[in-house]
Amino acid sequence: MMSRTSEAEAQQAASDDPMKYLWATEGAFRMLTLAYSLFIHTGAVDHYTRPHLATALIAVQCIWSGVVALALFARPRWRSWLVAGDIVVTLGLMYATWIVADASWWDHNQSLPTTMWATNAVLAAGMQWGVTAGFLAGVGISLASLHIGDDLSWMVRSPTMPILVSSGIAAGVGGVGARRSHAQLVAALELRARAAERERLAREVHDGVLQVLALMGRKGPSFGAEGAALAQLATEQERALRTLIADVDEAPIVAPGSSSAPVDASTDGAPVDLRRELLALAGDRVRVSAGSSPVLLDAARAGELLAATKQALANTERHAGEHATAFVLLEDLDDEVTLTVRDDGPGIPDGRLAEAKAQGRMGVSRSIVGRVESIGGRAYLEAAPGEGVEWEFTLPR
């Protein structure tokens, strides 16, 4: 299962309508051109031979404009049918000019719905079906406009065709670009979700399987010949498993606030007292200072911070020697929580971290730093030969 936050983002992006805002813009333009058409109609109605029919057709134009603008925005599955209907209605209203006016009028004036309003059909075709459709719709509406004026010779002199064809092409380019950008966004979010899941699995493998295999490889020879054989197998499997997961990027690609730590389902996201959880880690070689007041964090973030702390303590037990002591300090600074894990061991020799990274060992780079960064925090390491190791985890509220 992928990181829940990253997966949700990818699913949300995939379900989003990439054309929604373009259709909203086209709807606004449709309303503006409708207002222009109404203004032209008020001045032209006295010149019509059938003014009442012309007014009725303008009413149809108004109703259609409102319905199609809203439906194109809100009903993605209807868009192809709506765009086709828009072209038919536009051509019908344009050719209705022959019915409501005589030749002396339509030979020298715009068609009934106006060429400006007819541009909406061209834009819609380009946005829905692409550049070719926008081009063909622009040509078709332009030819219809010139045909109504009964003079196709104006084709080479009138700006109608260049304007409508250019509009259709531009709308097609915009629609294709919006869909392509959306597809790239979805792909990027899915890639991030997969990377986050691989990162989580790598941390879990390190905290469990790899450490057990490493322990078997070290302790096996002390149990005789069979133990030595098992140790050799464990070492080989450890090396193979490290190689398998070493190609995951060192820096985790996880949305801030997401988490991969296992959390008790019974908490149902309830806050966890980090202070109490840390006090439970106290022992002969682990000293915990966490104040007297509860430090509440949501279960997911507390789980990751606690897991990073346990890994730091495990490193102390494994590398600092039998007599080393670890000290854990928890501070609640109102706007952030600071957790310090320090030991009094021999520290880290110069170059050891680079060597561990080259060998594919992920305790520092992934299991500790990765966990803290995956919940929006920061992890700092201070280590020098003979001076112990100190981790500081800072987590904003």
Protein backbone atom coordinates (compact mmCIF):
# COMPACT_ATOMS: atom_id res chain seq x y z
CA MET A 1 0.00 0.00 0.00
CA MET A 2 1.44 3.35 -1.00
CA SER A 3 1.92 6.23 1.43
CA ARG A 4 -1.60 7.28 2.22
CA THR A 5 -1.15 11.01 1.68
CA SER A 6 0.75 10.65 -1.60
CA GLU A 7 -1.72 8.06 -2.88
CA ALA A 8 -4.67 10.30 -2.00
CA GLU A 9 -3.06 13.22 -3.83
CA ALA A 10 -2.54 11.09 -6.94
CA GLN A 11 -6.11 9.80 -6.86
CA GLN A 12 -7.50 13.31 -6.34
CA ALA A 13 -5.47 14.70 -9.24
CA ALA A 14 -6.56 11.83 -11.50
CA SER A 15 -10.22 12.51 -10.73
CA ASP A 16 -9.94 16.28 -11.26
CA ASP A 17 -11.26 17.79 -14.50
CA PRO A 18 -8.29 19.38 -16.30
CA MET A 19 -10.61 21.45 -18.49
CA LYS A 20 -12.87 22.81 -15.77
CA TYR A 21 -11.41 26.29 -15.56
CA LEU A 22 -11.08 26.63 -19.33
CA TRP A 23 -14.78 25.84 -19.65
CA ALA A 24 -15.58 28.36 -16.92
CA THR A 25 -13.67 30.99 -18.89
CA GLU A 26 -15.44 30.02 -22.10
CA GLY A 27 -18.78 30.29 -20.30
CA ALA A 28 -17.94 33.82 -19.16
CA PHE A 29 -16.99 34.76 -22.73
CA ARG A 30 -20.28 33.27 -23.94
CA MET A 31 -22.22 35.51 -21.57
CA LEU A 32 -20.31 38.59 -22.72
CA THR A 33 -20.95 37.81 -26.38
CA LEU A 34 -24.60 37.17 -25.57
CA ALA A 35 -24.85 40.65 -24.05
CA TYR A 36 -23.29 42.04 -27.24
CA SER A 37 -25.80 40.09 -29.33
CA LEU A 38 -28.71 41.49 -27.32
CA PHE A 39 -27.39 45.00 -27.78
CA ILE A 40 -27.16 44.52 -31.57
CA HIS A 41 -30.65 43.02 -31.62
CA THR A 42 -32.22 46.06 -29.96
CA GLY A 43 -30.91 48.26 -32.77
CA ALA A 44 -31.68 45.84 -35.59
CA VAL A 45 -35.13 44.54 -34.65
CA ASP A 46 -36.92 47.43 -36.36
CA HIS A 47 -35.28 46.43 -39.65
CA TYR A 48 -36.49 42.84 -39.53
CA THR A 49 -39.49 41.73 -41.56
CA ARG A 50 -40.51 39.40 -38.71
CA PRO A 51 -39.46 41.16 -35.52
CA HIS A 52 -41.51 38.93 -33.19
CA LEU A 53 -39.96 35.77 -34.60
CA ALA A 54 -36.51 37.36 -34.36
CA THR A 55 -37.11 38.19 -30.70
CA ALA A 56 -38.29 34.63 -30.04
CA LEU A 57 -35.14 33.27 -31.66
CA ILE A 58 -33.01 35.60 -29.54
CA ALA A 59 -34.82 34.21 -26.47
CA VAL A 60 -33.85 30.70 -27.61
CA GLN A 61 -30.28 31.95 -27.98
CA CYS A 62 -30.33 33.27 -24.39
CA ILE A 63 -31.73 30.03 -22.96
CA TRP A 64 -29.29 27.89 -24.91
CA SER A 65 -26.36 30.05 -23.87
CA GLY A 66 -27.16 29.68 -20.18
CA VAL A 67 -27.84 25.94 -20.36
CA VAL A 68 -24.81 25.03 -22.45
CA ALA A 69 -22.40 27.25 -20.46
CA LEU A 70 -23.43 25.60 -17.18
CA ALA A 71 -23.52 22.06 -18.59
CA LEU A 72 -20.12 22.33 -20.29
CA PHE A 73 -18.62 23.35 -16.95
CA ALA A 74 -20.42 20.85 -14.71
CA ARG A 75 -21.00 17.78 -16.91
CA PRO A 76 -17.75 16.53 -18.50
CA ARG A 77 -19.40 13.41 -19.91
CA TRP A 78 -21.93 15.46 -21.86
CA ARG A 79 -19.42 17.76 -23.51
CA SER A 80 -19.08 16.06 -26.89
CA TRP A 81 -22.84 16.05 -27.38
CA LEU A 82 -23.16 19.61 -26.09
CA VAL A 83 -20.45 20.90 -28.42
CA ALA A 84 -22.05 19.16 -31.39
CA GLY A 85 -25.41 20.64 -30.39
CA ASP A 86 -23.82 24.05 -29.98
CA ILE A 87 -22.58 23.99 -33.56
CA VAL A 88 -26.01 22.93 -34.84
CA VAL A 89 -27.84 25.59 -32.82
CA THR A 90 -25.37 28.27 -33.91
CA LEU A 91 -25.75 27.42 -37.59
CA GLY A 92 -29.54 27.25 -37.20
CA LEU A 93 -29.72 30.70 -35.64
CA MET A 94 -27.37 32.12 -38.24
CA TYR A 95 -29.42 30.82 -41.17
CA ALA A 96 -32.64 31.99 -39.46
CA THR A 97 -31.52 35.46 -40.55
CA TRP A 98 -32.96 34.61 -43.99
CA ILE A 99 -36.36 34.10 -42.37
CA VAL A 100 -36.57 37.21 -40.19
CA ALA A 101 -34.98 39.76 -42.56
CA ASP A 102 -34.90 40.45 -46.27
CA ALA A 103 -31.88 40.46 -48.58
CA SER A 104 -31.33 44.18 -48.26
CA TRP A 105 -30.55 43.63 -44.57
CA TRP A 106 -28.60 40.39 -44.34
CA ASP A 107 -26.54 41.28 -47.41
CA HIS A 108 -24.82 44.10 -45.48
CA ASN A 109 -25.16 43.18 -41.79
CA GLN A 110 -24.32 40.44 -39.34
CA SER A 111 -26.40 37.31 -38.98
CA LEU A 112 -29.08 37.16 -36.28
CA PRO A 113 -26.95 35.84 -33.36
CA THR A 114 -23.92 37.93 -34.46
CA THR A 115 -20.57 36.54 -35.55
CA MET A 116 -19.11 37.34 -32.13
CA TRP A 117 -21.53 34.98 -30.40
CA ALA A 118 -21.01 32.31 -33.07
CA THR A 119 -17.33 32.25 -32.09
CA ASN A 120 -18.33 30.26 -29.00
CA ALA A 121 -19.10 27.20 -31.12
CA VAL A 122 -15.63 27.40 -32.67
CA LEU A 123 -13.94 27.73 -29.29
CA ALA A 124 -15.94 24.84 -27.86
CA ALA A 125 -15.02 22.56 -30.76
CA GLY A 126 -11.32 23.33 -30.39
CA MET A 127 -11.33 22.87 -26.62
CA GLN A 128 -13.20 19.59 -26.75
CA TRP A 129 -11.78 17.91 -29.84
CA GLY A 130 -8.43 19.56 -30.46
CA VAL A 131 -6.67 21.76 -33.00
CA THR A 132 -8.03 20.10 -36.14
CA ALA A 133 -11.62 20.34 -34.92
CA GLY A 134 -11.11 23.99 -33.97
CA PHE A 135 -9.72 24.72 -37.42
CA LEU A 136 -12.59 22.96 -39.22
CA ALA A 137 -15.23 24.60 -37.01
CA GLY A 138 -13.69 28.01 -37.70
CA VAL A 139 -13.77 27.38 -41.43
CA GLY A 140 -17.33 26.06 -41.31
CA ILE A 141 -18.78 28.93 -39.26
CA SER A 142 -16.89 31.47 -41.40
CA LEU A 143 -18.23 30.01 -44.64
CA ALA A 144 -21.76 29.98 -43.20
CA SER A 145 -21.45 33.64 -42.21
CA LEU A 146 -20.25 34.61 -45.69
CA HIS A 147 -22.88 32.40 -47.35
CA ILE A 148 -25.66 34.10 -45.45
CA GLY A 149 -24.43 37.40 -46.86
CA ASP A 150 -24.73 35.75 -50.29
CA ASP A 151 -21.22 36.74 -51.29
CA LEU A 152 -18.49 34.14 -50.81
CA SER A 153 -16.13 36.38 -52.75
CA TRP A 154 -15.67 38.24 -49.47
CA MET A 155 -13.72 35.24 -48.23
CA VAL A 156 -10.39 36.79 -49.24
CA ARG A 157 -11.25 40.27 -47.98
CA SER A 158 -13.29 39.68 -44.81
CA PRO A 159 -11.45 39.21 -41.48
CA THR A 160 -14.14 36.78 -40.33
CA MET A 161 -12.40 33.61 -41.46
CA PRO A 162 -8.89 34.44 -40.17
CA ILE A 163 -10.32 35.46 -36.79
CA LEU A 164 -12.55 32.41 -36.35
CA VAL A 165 -9.96 29.94 -37.63
CA SER A 166 -7.28 31.43 -35.38
CA SER A 167 -9.66 31.27 -32.42
CA GLY A 168 -10.41 27.62 -33.09
CA ILE A 169 -6.74 26.70 -33.37
CA ALA A 170 -5.85 28.62 -30.19
CA ALA A 171 -8.66 26.92 -28.28
CA GLY A 172 -7.46 23.54 -29.54
CA VAL A 173 -3.90 24.23 -28.43
CA GLY A 174 -5.15 25.35 -25.01
CA GLY A 175 -7.28 22.25 -24.55
CA VAL A 176 -4.52 19.86 -25.59
CA GLY A 177 -2.03 21.68 -23.36
CA ALA A 178 -4.34 21.54 -20.33
CA ARG A 179 -4.92 17.81 -20.73
CA ARG A 180 -1.24 17.10 -21.28
CA SER A 181 -0.21 19.14 -18.24
CA HIS A 182 -2.79 17.33 -16.13
CA ALA A 183 -1.56 13.94 -17.32
CA GLN A 184 2.01 14.91 -16.44
CA LEU A 185 0.91 16.07 -12.98
CA VAL A 186 -0.92 12.81 -12.33
CA ALA A 187 2.10 10.81 -13.50
CA ALA A 188 4.42 12.84 -11.24
CA LEU A 189 2.16 12.35 -8.21
CA GLU A 190 1.90 8.63 -8.88
CA LEU A 191 5.68 8.43 -9.18
CA ARG A 192 6.07 10.28 -5.89
CA ALA A 193 3.58 7.95 -4.22
CA ARG A 194 5.45 4.89 -5.48
CA ALA A 195 8.78 6.38 -4.35
CA ALA A 196 7.30 7.11 -0.91
CA GLU A 197 6.11 3.52 -0.61
CA ARG A 198 9.50 2.15 -1.66
CA GLU A 199 11.11 4.45 0.91
CA ARG A 200 8.79 3.19 3.63
CA LEU A 201 9.48 -0.42 2.75
CA ALA A 202 13.22 0.24 2.74
CA ARG A 203 13.02 1.66 6.27
CA GLU A 204 10.93 -1.25 7.49
CA VAL A 205 13.31 -3.75 5.91
CA HIS A 206 16.26 -2.03 7.54
CA ASP A 207 14.59 -1.97 10.96
CA GLY A 208 13.71 -5.65 10.77
CA VAL A 209 15.09 -8.09 8.24
CA LEU A 210 18.48 -6.48 7.57
CA GLN A 211 19.31 -6.07 11.23
CA VAL A 212 18.41 -9.69 11.97
CA LEU A 213 20.52 -10.90 9.06
CA ALA A 214 23.43 -8.73 10.19
CA LEU A 215 23.12 -10.12 13.74
CA MET A 216 23.10 -13.68 12.42
CA GLY A 217 26.17 -12.91 10.33
CA ARG A 218 28.06 -11.66 13.40
CA LYS A 219 26.93 -14.18 16.00
CA GLY A 220 26.57 -17.30 13.84
CA PRO A 221 30.22 -18.44 13.93
CA SER A 222 30.05 -18.68 17.73
CA PHE A 223 27.61 -21.61 17.41
CA GLY A 224 29.96 -23.93 15.61
CA ALA A 225 30.16 -25.15 12.03
CA GLU A 226 26.42 -25.07 11.37
CA GLY A 227 26.20 -21.60 12.85
CA ALA A 228 29.06 -20.45 10.63
CA ALA A 229 27.28 -21.82 7.56
CA LEU A 230 24.09 -20.03 8.56
CA ALA A 231 26.10 -16.87 9.18
CA GLN A 232 27.57 -17.05 5.69
CA LEU A 233 24.10 -17.48 4.17
CA ALA A 234 22.76 -14.60 6.26
CA THR A 235 25.62 -12.36 5.14
CA GLU A 236 25.01 -13.21 1.49
CA GLN A 237 21.29 -12.54 1.80
CA GLU A 238 21.93 -9.29 3.64
CA ARG A 239 24.24 -8.13 0.86
CA ALA A 240 21.73 -9.12 -1.83
CA LEU A 241 18.86 -7.39 -0.07
CA ARG A 242 20.85 -4.20 0.45
CA THR A 243 21.72 -4.17 -3.23
CA LEU A 244 18.08 -4.69 -4.17
CA ILE A 245 16.80 -1.66 -2.31
CA ALA A 246 19.88 0.60 -2.55
CA ASP A 247 18.58 2.28 -5.71
CA VAL A 248 15.97 4.20 -3.76
CA ASP A 249 16.93 7.88 -3.54
CA GLU A 250 18.52 8.91 -0.29
CA ALA A 251 16.14 11.81 0.19
CA PRO A 252 12.57 10.53 0.64
CA ILE A 253 9.91 11.91 -1.68
CA VAL A 254 7.03 12.12 0.74
CA ALA A 255 4.49 14.85 1.24
CA PRO A 256 4.91 16.61 4.59
CA GLY A 257 2.52 15.17 7.11
CA SER A 258 2.38 11.70 5.58
CA SER A 259 3.58 8.73 7.57
CA SER A 260 4.61 5.16 7.16
CA ALA A 261 4.99 4.12 10.77
CA PRO A 262 2.64 1.38 11.93
CA VAL A 263 0.09 2.89 14.25
CA ASP A 264 -2.33 1.04 16.44
CA ALA A 265 -5.64 1.18 14.62
CA SER A 266 -7.46 1.58 17.93
CA THR A 267 -6.04 5.08 18.30
CA ASP A 268 -7.93 6.13 15.16
CA GLY A 269 -5.65 9.13 14.69
CA ALA A 270 -5.94 10.26 18.34
CA PRO A 271 -3.01 12.24 19.81
CA VAL A 272 -0.20 10.23 21.37
CA ASP A 273 1.82 11.29 24.42
CA LEU A 274 5.37 11.13 23.09
CA ARG A 275 6.74 11.69 26.59
CA ARG A 276 5.17 8.50 27.88
CA GLU A 277 6.39 6.49 24.90
CA LEU A 278 9.96 7.70 25.40
CA LEU A 279 9.94 6.99 29.14
CA ALA A 280 9.12 3.39 28.27
CA LEU A 281 12.52 3.17 26.55
CA ALA A 282 14.45 3.98 29.73
CA GLY A 283 16.78 1.29 31.08
CA ASP A 284 20.20 0.64 32.52
CA ARG A 285 21.94 2.13 29.47
CA VAL A 286 19.25 4.57 28.36
CA ARG A 287 18.49 7.71 30.42
CA VAL A 288 15.35 9.62 29.43
CA SER A 289 14.56 13.20 30.43
CA ALA A 290 11.15 14.28 29.16
CA GLY A 291 9.82 16.80 31.65
CA SER A 292 6.61 16.44 33.58
CA SER A 293 3.98 17.52 31.07
CA PRO A 294 2.54 15.38 28.25
CA VAL A 295 3.84 16.11 24.75
CA LEU A 296 0.97 15.30 22.42
CA LEU A 297 1.45 14.55 18.73
CA ASP A 298 -0.80 12.84 16.22
CA ALA A 299 -0.24 9.09 16.18
CA ALA A 300 1.43 8.97 12.75
CA ARG A 301 4.03 11.64 13.45
CA ALA A 302 4.72 10.32 16.94
CA GLY A 303 5.21 6.84 15.49
CA GLU A 304 7.82 8.00 12.99
CA LEU A 305 9.70 10.09 15.57
CA LEU A 306 9.69 7.22 18.02
CA ALA A 307 10.95 4.81 15.35
CA ALA A 308 13.82 7.18 14.49
CA THR A 309 14.70 7.39 18.19
CA LYS A 310 14.72 3.61 18.55
CA GLN A 311 17.02 3.31 15.56
CA ALA A 312 19.44 5.86 17.03
CA LEU A 313 19.43 3.90 20.32
CA ALA A 314 19.96 0.65 18.41
CA ASN A 315 23.00 2.20 16.73
CA THR A 316 24.36 3.16 20.16
CA GLU A 317 23.92 -0.39 21.44
CA ARG A 318 25.51 -1.87 18.34
CA HIS A 319 28.44 0.49 17.77
CA ALA A 320 29.17 2.44 20.97
CA GLY A 321 30.41 -0.46 23.08
CA GLU A 322 29.13 -2.39 26.07
CA HIS A 323 29.63 0.43 28.57
CA ALA A 324 28.20 3.31 26.54
CA THR A 325 25.10 5.10 27.84
CA ALA A 326 22.48 6.86 25.73
CA PHE A 327 20.70 10.01 26.85
CA VAL A 328 17.32 11.06 25.46
CA LEU A 329 16.05 14.61 25.99
CA LEU A 330 12.57 15.73 24.94
CA GLU A 331 11.71 19.45 24.82
CA ASP A 332 8.33 20.96 23.97
CA LEU A 333 9.05 24.49 22.67
CA ASP A 334 5.43 25.44 21.85
CA ASP A 335 5.95 25.90 18.12
CA GLU A 336 8.16 22.84 17.73
CA VAL A 337 9.23 19.65 19.46
CA THR A 338 12.93 18.91 19.84
CA LEU A 339 14.20 15.42 20.61
CA THR A 340 17.89 14.81 21.29
CA VAL A 341 19.53 11.38 21.40
CA ARG A 342 23.17 11.40 22.60
CA ASP A 343 25.63 8.74 23.67
CA ASP A 344 29.02 8.79 25.35
CA GLY A 345 30.58 6.20 23.05
CA PRO A 346 33.66 6.53 20.86
CA GLY A 347 31.84 8.49 18.17
CA ILE A 348 32.04 7.90 14.45
CA PRO A 349 35.44 7.65 12.76
CA ASP A 350 36.13 10.06 9.91
CA GLY A 351 34.81 8.73 6.63
CA ARG A 352 32.69 6.00 8.22
CA LEU A 353 29.37 7.48 7.10
CA ALA A 354 30.52 7.74 3.49
CA GLU A 355 31.79 4.18 3.68
CA ALA A 356 28.45 2.93 5.07
CA LYS A 357 26.57 4.70 2.33
CA ALA A 358 28.81 3.16 -0.31
CA GLN A 359 28.15 -0.29 1.21
CA GLY A 360 24.39 0.26 1.01
CA ARG A 361 23.87 0.54 4.78
CA MET A 362 20.87 2.72 5.41
CA GLY A 363 20.64 3.27 9.17
CA VAL A 364 21.58 6.95 9.04
CA SER A 365 20.46 8.03 5.58
CA ARG A 366 17.11 6.30 5.44
CA SER A 367 15.83 4.78 8.67
CA ILE A 368 16.64 7.87 10.77
CA VAL A 369 16.81 10.90 8.47
CA GLY A 370 14.13 9.53 6.16
CA ARG A 371 11.64 8.99 8.96
CA VAL A 372 12.04 12.47 10.42
CA GLU A 373 11.93 14.24 7.06
CA SER A 374 8.88 12.24 5.98
CA ILE A 375 6.80 13.97 8.67
CA GLY A 376 8.10 17.46 7.91
CA GLY A 377 10.89 17.50 10.49
CA ARG A 378 14.66 17.95 10.35
CA ALA A 379 17.39 15.63 11.61
CA TYR A 380 20.88 16.84 12.55
CA LEU A 381 23.87 14.61 13.33
CA GLU A 382 26.95 15.66 15.27
CA ALA A 383 29.68 13.06 15.62
CA ALA A 384 33.44 13.08 15.96
CA PRO A 385 36.00 10.48 16.97
CA GLY A 386 36.10 10.14 20.76
CA GLU A 387 33.17 12.53 21.38
CA GLY A 388 30.14 10.29 21.03
CA VAL A 389 27.21 10.73 18.71
CA GLU A 390 24.37 13.23 19.03
CA TRP A 391 21.15 13.31 17.03
CA GLU A 392 18.76 16.24 17.19
CA PHE A 393 15.28 15.86 15.72
CA THR A 394 13.21 19.03 15.28
CA LEU A 395 9.53 18.71 14.44
CA PRO A 396 7.37 21.81 13.81
CA ARG A 397 3.96 21.80 15.44
